[in-house]
Amino acid sequence: MQYSAGVGRTAAAVAAAVAVTALMTGCTPTGDDGAVAKPSAPSAPSATATPPSKTPAASEPAKPTPTGGADHTKPSPPEPGPGGGAKACAMDQIKVSDAHQADVRPSGTGTGAAVVSVTNTSKARCTLSGFPTVAGAGNGSPDHNLPLATTHSGSATTVSLAAGARAWTKLTFVNVQGEADGYCVSGATPASFPTLVLGVPGAGSHQIAMDDGVFAECDNKVTVIAFSATKPS
């Protein structure tokens, strides 16, 4: 009985030891072949993709840097014009002379061409610019005036007239041919006017006569030059 009990205790001890070993073995990870698995080596870091470069924003125009305070820059004063700042001549500032037959005129027996002057009769400087208008005076009645078809010759400039100074214009007509009452090359009937009405830009209408005779012309046409500081021939 003692032998049997000793054997039983020995067998129980062996079984306990085996159980402990099995428990310890189960706590250790193994591979398929029962070998103890080793911790895997850390994997090589994957290559990091380079982020796409950002397209730089379009450059914005530089903003002026405020300097502080009010802008004290003043614009340059305008250059004085031909008239030196003088105003256009008014009707009561000028006197229009009677017409004088021009030295250079179309051939014929009529008026041909006439020169007219405008004088600044005021004490202040004023300006004239542009071309005159011309009409045959109708027996002293503006309602009966006969405007002549006007052609401009050359270009207009501004003429500055000091007190007492003069400007000129020239009127060139379709001249009458022949003697006595004469005739017109076009076949029209010649016309004659004791006076003409000369329109001065900005300075009204002025009735003028020839200083010798009457205005005789054809076709009711006239060519005019702009007012000028130079007397035409």
C-alpha atoms as a PDB file:
ATOM      1  CA  MET A   1       0.000   0.000   0.000  1.00  0.00           C
ATOM      2  CA  GLN A   2       2.878   2.339   0.746  1.00  0.00           C
ATOM      3  CA  TYR A   3       4.403   1.568  -2.605  1.00  0.00           C
ATOM      4  CA  SER A   4       1.163   2.214  -4.318  1.00  0.00           C
ATOM      5  CA  ALA A   5       0.744   5.549  -2.527  1.00  0.00           C
ATOM      6  CA  GLY A   6       4.325   6.590  -3.360  1.00  0.00           C
ATOM      7  CA  VAL A   7       3.846   5.684  -6.953  1.00  0.00           C
ATOM      8  CA  GLY A   8       0.603   7.622  -7.030  1.00  0.00           C
ATOM      9  CA  ARG A   9       2.240  10.697  -5.543  1.00  0.00           C
ATOM     10  CA  THR A  10       5.104  10.489  -7.977  1.00  0.00           C
ATOM     11  CA  ALA A  11       2.721  10.161 -10.900  1.00  0.00           C
ATOM     12  CA  ALA A  12       0.696  13.115  -9.662  1.00  0.00           C
ATOM     13  CA  ALA A  13       3.864  15.232  -9.360  1.00  0.00           C
ATOM     14  CA  VAL A  14       4.942  14.356 -12.879  1.00  0.00           C
ATOM     15  CA  ALA A  15       1.508  15.201 -14.241  1.00  0.00           C
ATOM     16  CA  ALA A  16       1.557  18.559 -12.486  1.00  0.00           C
ATOM     17  CA  ALA A  17       4.974  19.387 -13.918  1.00  0.00           C
ATOM     18  CA  VAL A  18       3.823  18.480 -17.416  1.00  0.00           C
ATOM     19  CA  ALA A  19       0.753  20.697 -17.038  1.00  0.00           C
ATOM     20  CA  VAL A  20       2.860  23.642 -15.939  1.00  0.00           C
ATOM     21  CA  THR A  21       5.218  23.154 -18.898  1.00  0.00           C
ATOM     22  CA  ALA A  22       2.257  22.988 -21.272  1.00  0.00           C
ATOM     23  CA  LEU A  23       0.882  26.218 -19.895  1.00  0.00           C
ATOM     24  CA  MET A  24       4.214  27.958 -20.309  1.00  0.00           C
ATOM     25  CA  THR A  25       4.569  26.636 -23.819  1.00  0.00           C
ATOM     26  CA  GLY A  26       1.110  27.862 -24.825  1.00  0.00           C
ATOM     27  CA  CYS A  27       1.992  31.402 -23.772  1.00  0.00           C
ATOM     28  CA  THR A  28       4.869  31.566 -26.283  1.00  0.00           C
ATOM     29  CA  PRO A  29       3.885  32.233 -29.969  1.00  0.00           C
ATOM     30  CA  THR A  30       5.126  29.567 -32.355  1.00  0.00           C
ATOM     31  CA  GLY A  31       5.302  29.191 -36.079  1.00  0.00           C
ATOM     32  CA  ASP A  32       3.749  26.430 -38.111  1.00  0.00           C
ATOM     33  CA  ASP A  33       6.686  24.194 -37.328  1.00  0.00           C
ATOM     34  CA  GLY A  34       6.440  24.914 -33.663  1.00  0.00           C
ATOM     35  CA  ALA A  35       9.456  27.163 -33.583  1.00  0.00           C
ATOM     36  CA  VAL A  36       9.205  30.257 -31.532  1.00  0.00           C
ATOM     37  CA  ALA A  37       8.211  33.143 -33.749  1.00  0.00           C
ATOM     38  CA  LYS A  38      10.579  36.013 -33.763  1.00  0.00           C
ATOM     39  CA  PRO A  39       9.261  39.534 -33.908  1.00  0.00           C
ATOM     40  CA  SER A  40       9.280  40.731 -37.510  1.00  0.00           C
ATOM     41  CA  ALA A  41      11.825  43.382 -38.448  1.00  0.00           C
ATOM     42  CA  PRO A  42      10.357  46.794 -38.999  1.00  0.00           C
ATOM     43  CA  SER A  43       9.539  47.297 -42.646  1.00  0.00           C
ATOM     44  CA  ALA A  44      11.527  49.819 -44.597  1.00  0.00           C
ATOM     45  CA  PRO A  45       9.788  53.152 -44.689  1.00  0.00           C
ATOM     46  CA  SER A  46       7.869  53.597 -47.914  1.00  0.00           C
ATOM     47  CA  ALA A  47       8.984  56.373 -50.220  1.00  0.00           C
ATOM     48  CA  THR A  48       6.970  59.478 -49.506  1.00  0.00           C
ATOM     49  CA  ALA A  49       5.437  60.980 -52.662  1.00  0.00           C
ATOM     50  CA  THR A  50       6.596  64.476 -53.254  1.00  0.00           C
ATOM     51  CA  PRO A  51       3.561  66.707 -53.049  1.00  0.00           C
ATOM     52  CA  PRO A  52       2.895  68.545 -56.336  1.00  0.00           C
ATOM     53  CA  SER A  53       4.406  71.950 -56.375  1.00  0.00           C
ATOM     54  CA  LYS A  54       1.860  74.643 -55.979  1.00  0.00           C
ATOM     55  CA  THR A  55       1.563  77.041 -58.858  1.00  0.00           C
ATOM     56  CA  PRO A  56       2.451  80.439 -57.478  1.00  0.00           C
ATOM     57  CA  ALA A  57      -0.470  82.797 -57.514  1.00  0.00           C
ATOM     58  CA  ALA A  58      -0.384  85.436 -60.178  1.00  0.00           C
ATOM     59  CA  SER A  59       1.454  88.398 -58.870  1.00  0.00           C
ATOM     60  CA  GLU A  60      -0.860  91.196 -57.915  1.00  0.00           C
ATOM     61  CA  PRO A  61      -0.016  94.753 -58.828  1.00  0.00           C
ATOM     62  CA  ALA A  62       1.821  96.489 -56.110  1.00  0.00           C
ATOM     63  CA  LYS A  63      -0.389  98.756 -54.106  1.00  0.00           C
ATOM     64  CA  PRO A  64       0.873 102.222 -53.430  1.00  0.00           C
ATOM     65  CA  THR A  65       2.288 102.555 -50.008  1.00  0.00           C
ATOM     66  CA  PRO A  66       0.366 105.193 -48.141  1.00  0.00           C
ATOM     67  CA  THR A  67       2.676 107.967 -47.166  1.00  0.00           C
ATOM     68  CA  GLY A  68       0.299 109.478 -44.688  1.00  0.00           C
ATOM     69  CA  GLY A  69      -1.211 112.884 -44.812  1.00  0.00           C
ATOM     70  CA  ALA A  70      -2.931 114.644 -47.707  1.00  0.00           C
ATOM     71  CA  ASP A  71      -1.599 114.565 -51.232  1.00  0.00           C
ATOM     72  CA  HIS A  72       0.008 117.933 -51.750  1.00  0.00           C
ATOM     73  CA  THR A  73       0.860 117.344 -55.418  1.00  0.00           C
ATOM     74  CA  LYS A  74      -0.733 120.067 -57.537  1.00  0.00           C
ATOM     75  CA  PRO A  75      -1.376 119.750 -61.295  1.00  0.00           C
ATOM     76  CA  SER A  76       0.665 121.977 -63.525  1.00  0.00           C
ATOM     77  CA  PRO A  77      -1.236 125.056 -64.662  1.00  0.00           C
ATOM     78  CA  PRO A  78      -2.482 124.821 -68.263  1.00  0.00           C
ATOM     79  CA  GLU A  79      -0.401 126.455 -70.915  1.00  0.00           C
ATOM     80  CA  PRO A  80      -1.910 129.718 -72.140  1.00  0.00           C
ATOM     81  CA  GLY A  81      -3.580 129.436 -75.525  1.00  0.00           C
ATOM     82  CA  PRO A  82      -3.004 131.663 -78.543  1.00  0.00           C
ATOM     83  CA  GLY A  83      -5.269 134.270 -77.007  1.00  0.00           C
ATOM     84  CA  GLY A  84      -3.364 134.299 -73.697  1.00  0.00           C
ATOM     85  CA  GLY A  85      -6.611 133.668 -71.830  1.00  0.00           C
ATOM     86  CA  ALA A  86      -8.488 136.468 -73.630  1.00  0.00           C
ATOM     87  CA  LYS A  87     -12.184 136.021 -74.410  1.00  0.00           C
ATOM     88  CA  ALA A  88     -13.685 135.945 -77.875  1.00  0.00           C
ATOM     89  CA  CYS A  89     -14.476 139.377 -79.261  1.00  0.00           C
ATOM     90  CA  ALA A  90     -18.061 140.472 -78.672  1.00  0.00           C
ATOM     91  CA  MET A  91     -20.138 142.453 -81.137  1.00  0.00           C
ATOM     92  CA  ASP A  92     -19.700 145.728 -79.265  1.00  0.00           C
ATOM     93  CA  GLN A  93     -15.896 145.285 -79.108  1.00  0.00           C
ATOM     94  CA  ILE A  94     -15.217 145.347 -82.826  1.00  0.00           C
ATOM     95  CA  LYS A  95     -15.743 147.491 -85.906  1.00  0.00           C
ATOM     96  CA  VAL A  96     -15.869 145.973 -89.395  1.00  0.00           C
ATOM     97  CA  SER A  97     -14.465 148.160 -92.160  1.00  0.00           C
ATOM     98  CA  ASP A  98     -15.916 148.674 -95.603  1.00  0.00           C
ATOM     99  CA  ALA A  99     -14.479 146.333 -98.207  1.00  0.00           C
ATOM    100  CA  HIS A 100     -11.593 147.293-100.456  1.00  0.00           C
ATOM    101  CA  GLN A 101     -11.000 145.657-103.815  1.00  0.00           C
ATOM    102  CA  ALA A 102      -8.140 143.150-103.487  1.00  0.00           C
ATOM    103  CA  ASP A 103      -4.963 143.452-105.518  1.00  0.00           C
ATOM    104  CA  VAL A 104      -5.095 139.748-106.411  1.00  0.00           C
ATOM    105  CA  ARG A 105      -8.479 138.837-107.889  1.00  0.00           C
ATOM    106  CA  PRO A 106      -9.999 136.797-110.728  1.00  0.00           C
ATOM    107  CA  SER A 107     -10.000 138.422-114.137  1.00  0.00           C
ATOM    108  CA  GLY A 108     -13.214 140.164-115.182  1.00  0.00           C
ATOM    109  CA  THR A 109     -15.081 143.404-114.738  1.00  0.00           C
ATOM    110  CA  GLY A 110     -16.921 142.666-111.498  1.00  0.00           C
ATOM    111  CA  THR A 111     -15.707 143.004-107.940  1.00  0.00           C
ATOM    112  CA  GLY A 112     -13.541 139.904-108.188  1.00  0.00           C
ATOM    113  CA  ALA A 113     -12.237 139.931-104.607  1.00  0.00           C
ATOM    114  CA  ALA A 114     -12.423 142.220-101.600  1.00  0.00           C
ATOM    115  CA  VAL A 115     -10.473 142.585 -98.361  1.00  0.00           C
ATOM    116  CA  VAL A 116     -12.261 143.408 -95.086  1.00  0.00           C
ATOM    117  CA  SER A 117     -10.681 144.281 -91.738  1.00  0.00           C
ATOM    118  CA  VAL A 118     -12.002 143.911 -88.179  1.00  0.00           C
ATOM    119  CA  THR A 119     -10.658 146.261 -85.485  1.00  0.00           C
ATOM    120  CA  ASN A 120     -10.744 145.713 -81.728  1.00  0.00           C
ATOM    121  CA  THR A 121     -12.211 149.017 -80.514  1.00  0.00           C
ATOM    122  CA  SER A 122     -12.289 148.034 -76.827  1.00  0.00           C
ATOM    123  CA  LYS A 123      -9.569 148.458 -74.202  1.00  0.00           C
ATOM    124  CA  ALA A 124      -9.356 144.720 -73.517  1.00  0.00           C
ATOM    125  CA  ARG A 125      -7.643 142.038 -75.572  1.00  0.00           C
ATOM    126  CA  CYS A 126     -10.029 139.663 -77.382  1.00  0.00           C
ATOM    127  CA  THR A 127      -9.791 136.885 -79.967  1.00  0.00           C
ATOM    128  CA  LEU A 128     -11.229 136.097 -83.388  1.00  0.00           C
ATOM    129  CA  SER A 129     -11.363 132.624 -84.883  1.00  0.00           C
ATOM    130  CA  GLY A 130     -13.023 131.007 -87.856  1.00  0.00           C
ATOM    131  CA  PHE A 131     -14.513 132.022 -91.189  1.00  0.00           C
ATOM    132  CA  PRO A 132     -17.019 134.780 -91.927  1.00  0.00           C
ATOM    133  CA  THR A 133     -20.417 134.227 -93.483  1.00  0.00           C
ATOM    134  CA  VAL A 134     -21.537 136.419 -96.388  1.00  0.00           C
ATOM    135  CA  ALA A 135     -24.974 137.494 -97.597  1.00  0.00           C
ATOM    136  CA  GLY A 136     -26.192 140.093-100.035  1.00  0.00           C
ATOM    137  CA  ALA A 137     -28.098 142.788 -98.100  1.00  0.00           C
ATOM    138  CA  GLY A 138     -31.764 142.939 -99.109  1.00  0.00           C
ATOM    139  CA  ASN A 139     -32.633 146.648 -99.250  1.00  0.00           C
ATOM    140  CA  GLY A 140     -31.886 147.114 -95.567  1.00  0.00           C
ATOM    141  CA  SER A 141     -34.181 144.273 -94.486  1.00  0.00           C
ATOM    142  CA  PRO A 142     -32.516 141.158 -92.968  1.00  0.00           C
ATOM    143  CA  ASP A 143     -35.525 139.123 -94.143  1.00  0.00           C
ATOM    144  CA  HIS A 144     -34.506 139.892 -97.723  1.00  0.00           C
ATOM    145  CA  ASN A 145     -30.840 138.994 -97.328  1.00  0.00           C
ATOM    146  CA  LEU A 146     -29.475 136.529 -99.878  1.00  0.00           C
ATOM    147  CA  PRO A 147     -26.902 134.164 -98.285  1.00  0.00           C
ATOM    148  CA  LEU A 148     -24.067 133.354-100.671  1.00  0.00           C
ATOM    149  CA  ALA A 149     -22.808 129.789-101.005  1.00  0.00           C
ATOM    150  CA  THR A 150     -19.529 129.921 -99.092  1.00  0.00           C
ATOM    151  CA  THR A 151     -16.369 127.890 -99.652  1.00  0.00           C
ATOM    152  CA  HIS A 152     -13.610 127.950 -97.011  1.00  0.00           C
ATOM    153  CA  SER A 153     -10.016 128.345 -98.120  1.00  0.00           C
ATOM    154  CA  GLY A 154      -7.202 127.250 -95.794  1.00  0.00           C
ATOM    155  CA  SER A 155      -7.517 126.521 -92.083  1.00  0.00           C
ATOM    156  CA  ALA A 156      -8.685 128.667 -89.200  1.00  0.00           C
ATOM    157  CA  THR A 157      -6.454 129.850 -86.357  1.00  0.00           C
ATOM    158  CA  THR A 158      -7.156 131.981 -83.321  1.00  0.00           C
ATOM    159  CA  VAL A 159      -6.118 135.610 -83.695  1.00  0.00           C
ATOM    160  CA  SER A 160      -5.433 137.570 -80.521  1.00  0.00           C
ATOM    161  CA  LEU A 161      -6.266 141.260 -80.883  1.00  0.00           C
ATOM    162  CA  ALA A 162      -4.867 143.815 -78.488  1.00  0.00           C
ATOM    163  CA  ALA A 163      -6.737 147.105 -78.132  1.00  0.00           C
ATOM    164  CA  GLY A 164      -6.705 148.820 -81.517  1.00  0.00           C
ATOM    165  CA  ALA A 165      -5.319 145.783 -83.397  1.00  0.00           C
ATOM    166  CA  ARG A 166      -6.859 144.434 -86.605  1.00  0.00           C
ATOM    167  CA  ALA A 167      -7.553 141.103 -88.291  1.00  0.00           C
ATOM    168  CA  TRP A 168      -8.400 140.555 -91.976  1.00  0.00           C
ATOM    169  CA  THR A 169     -10.395 138.289 -94.216  1.00  0.00           C
ATOM    170  CA  LYS A 170     -10.668 138.075 -98.000  1.00  0.00           C
ATOM    171  CA  LEU A 171     -13.772 137.423-100.078  1.00  0.00           C
ATOM    172  CA  THR A 172     -13.274 136.062-103.609  1.00  0.00           C
ATOM    173  CA  PHE A 173     -16.300 136.008-105.925  1.00  0.00           C
ATOM    174  CA  VAL A 174     -17.141 134.388-109.251  1.00  0.00           C
ATOM    175  CA  ASN A 175     -16.365 137.419-111.317  1.00  0.00           C
ATOM    176  CA  VAL A 176     -18.574 139.127-113.889  1.00  0.00           C
ATOM    177  CA  GLN A 177     -17.216 139.181-117.442  1.00  0.00           C
ATOM    178  CA  GLY A 178     -17.667 141.687-120.264  1.00  0.00           C
ATOM    179  CA  GLU A 179     -18.735 145.297-120.360  1.00  0.00           C
ATOM    180  CA  ALA A 180     -21.926 147.164-119.392  1.00  0.00           C
ATOM    181  CA  ASP A 181     -24.103 144.765-117.375  1.00  0.00           C
ATOM    182  CA  GLY A 182     -21.677 141.946-118.161  1.00  0.00           C
ATOM    183  CA  TYR A 183     -22.404 138.238-118.158  1.00  0.00           C
ATOM    184  CA  CYS A 184     -21.628 135.069-116.186  1.00  0.00           C
ATOM    185  CA  VAL A 185     -19.638 132.217-117.707  1.00  0.00           C
ATOM    186  CA  SER A 186     -22.202 129.826-116.225  1.00  0.00           C
ATOM    187  CA  GLY A 187     -25.001 131.544-118.098  1.00  0.00           C
ATOM    188  CA  ALA A 188     -26.555 132.964-114.927  1.00  0.00           C
ATOM    189  CA  THR A 189     -27.501 136.616-114.608  1.00  0.00           C
ATOM    190  CA  PRO A 190     -24.943 138.771-112.753  1.00  0.00           C
ATOM    191  CA  ALA A 191     -26.019 140.127-109.367  1.00  0.00           C
ATOM    192  CA  SER A 192     -25.003 143.348-107.678  1.00  0.00           C
ATOM    193  CA  PHE A 193     -25.417 144.409-104.050  1.00  0.00           C
ATOM    194  CA  PRO A 194     -24.818 147.905-102.656  1.00  0.00           C
ATOM    195  CA  THR A 195     -23.937 146.255 -99.330  1.00  0.00           C
ATOM    196  CA  LEU A 196     -23.137 142.850 -97.904  1.00  0.00           C
ATOM    197  CA  VAL A 197     -23.827 141.412 -94.456  1.00  0.00           C
ATOM    198  CA  LEU A 198     -20.642 139.910 -92.981  1.00  0.00           C
ATOM    199  CA  GLY A 199     -21.075 137.455 -90.125  1.00  0.00           C
ATOM    200  CA  VAL A 200     -18.192 137.400 -87.619  1.00  0.00           C
ATOM    201  CA  PRO A 201     -18.070 134.215 -85.469  1.00  0.00           C
ATOM    202  CA  GLY A 202     -19.232 135.123 -81.971  1.00  0.00           C
ATOM    203  CA  ALA A 203     -19.467 138.812 -82.795  1.00  0.00           C
ATOM    204  CA  GLY A 204     -22.685 139.186 -84.775  1.00  0.00           C
ATOM    205  CA  SER A 205     -23.528 140.406 -88.282  1.00  0.00           C
ATOM    206  CA  HIS A 206     -22.200 143.651 -89.745  1.00  0.00           C
ATOM    207  CA  GLN A 207     -23.361 145.484 -92.869  1.00  0.00           C
ATOM    208  CA  ILE A 208     -20.540 146.694 -95.097  1.00  0.00           C
ATOM    209  CA  ALA A 209     -20.229 148.468 -98.448  1.00  0.00           C
ATOM    210  CA  MET A 210     -17.481 148.680-101.034  1.00  0.00           C
ATOM    211  CA  ASP A 211     -15.284 151.722-100.564  1.00  0.00           C
ATOM    212  CA  ASP A 212     -15.592 152.243-104.319  1.00  0.00           C
ATOM    213  CA  GLY A 213     -18.655 150.997-106.220  1.00  0.00           C
ATOM    214  CA  VAL A 214     -20.880 148.009-105.503  1.00  0.00           C
ATOM    215  CA  PHE A 215     -20.435 144.270-105.081  1.00  0.00           C
ATOM    216  CA  ALA A 216     -20.947 142.611-108.476  1.00  0.00           C
ATOM    217  CA  GLU A 217     -20.657 138.833-108.721  1.00  0.00           C
ATOM    218  CA  CYS A 218     -21.934 135.685-110.473  1.00  0.00           C
ATOM    219  CA  ASP A 219     -23.622 132.508-109.271  1.00  0.00           C
ATOM    220  CA  ASN A 220     -24.071 133.840-105.711  1.00  0.00           C
ATOM    221  CA  LYS A 221     -20.879 132.089-104.629  1.00  0.00           C
ATOM    222  CA  VAL A 222     -17.939 133.347-102.576  1.00  0.00           C
ATOM    223  CA  THR A 223     -14.677 131.834-101.295  1.00  0.00           C
ATOM    224  CA  VAL A 224     -13.501 133.151 -97.908  1.00  0.00           C
ATOM    225  CA  ILE A 225     -10.311 132.842 -95.895  1.00  0.00           C
ATOM    226  CA  ALA A 226     -10.327 132.689 -92.096  1.00  0.00           C
ATOM    227  CA  PHE A 227      -9.623 135.788 -90.037  1.00  0.00           C
ATOM    228  CA  SER A 228      -5.869 136.338 -89.934  1.00  0.00           C
ATOM    229  CA  ALA A 229      -3.394 138.731 -88.352  1.00  0.00           C
ATOM    230  CA  THR A 230      -1.761 139.069 -91.780  1.00  0.00           C
ATOM    231  CA  LYS A 231      -3.378 141.285 -94.371  1.00  0.00           C
ATOM    232  CA  PRO A 232      -4.100 139.331 -97.581  1.00  0.00           C
ATOM    233  CA  SER A 233      -3.255 140.788-100.976  1.00  0.00           C
END
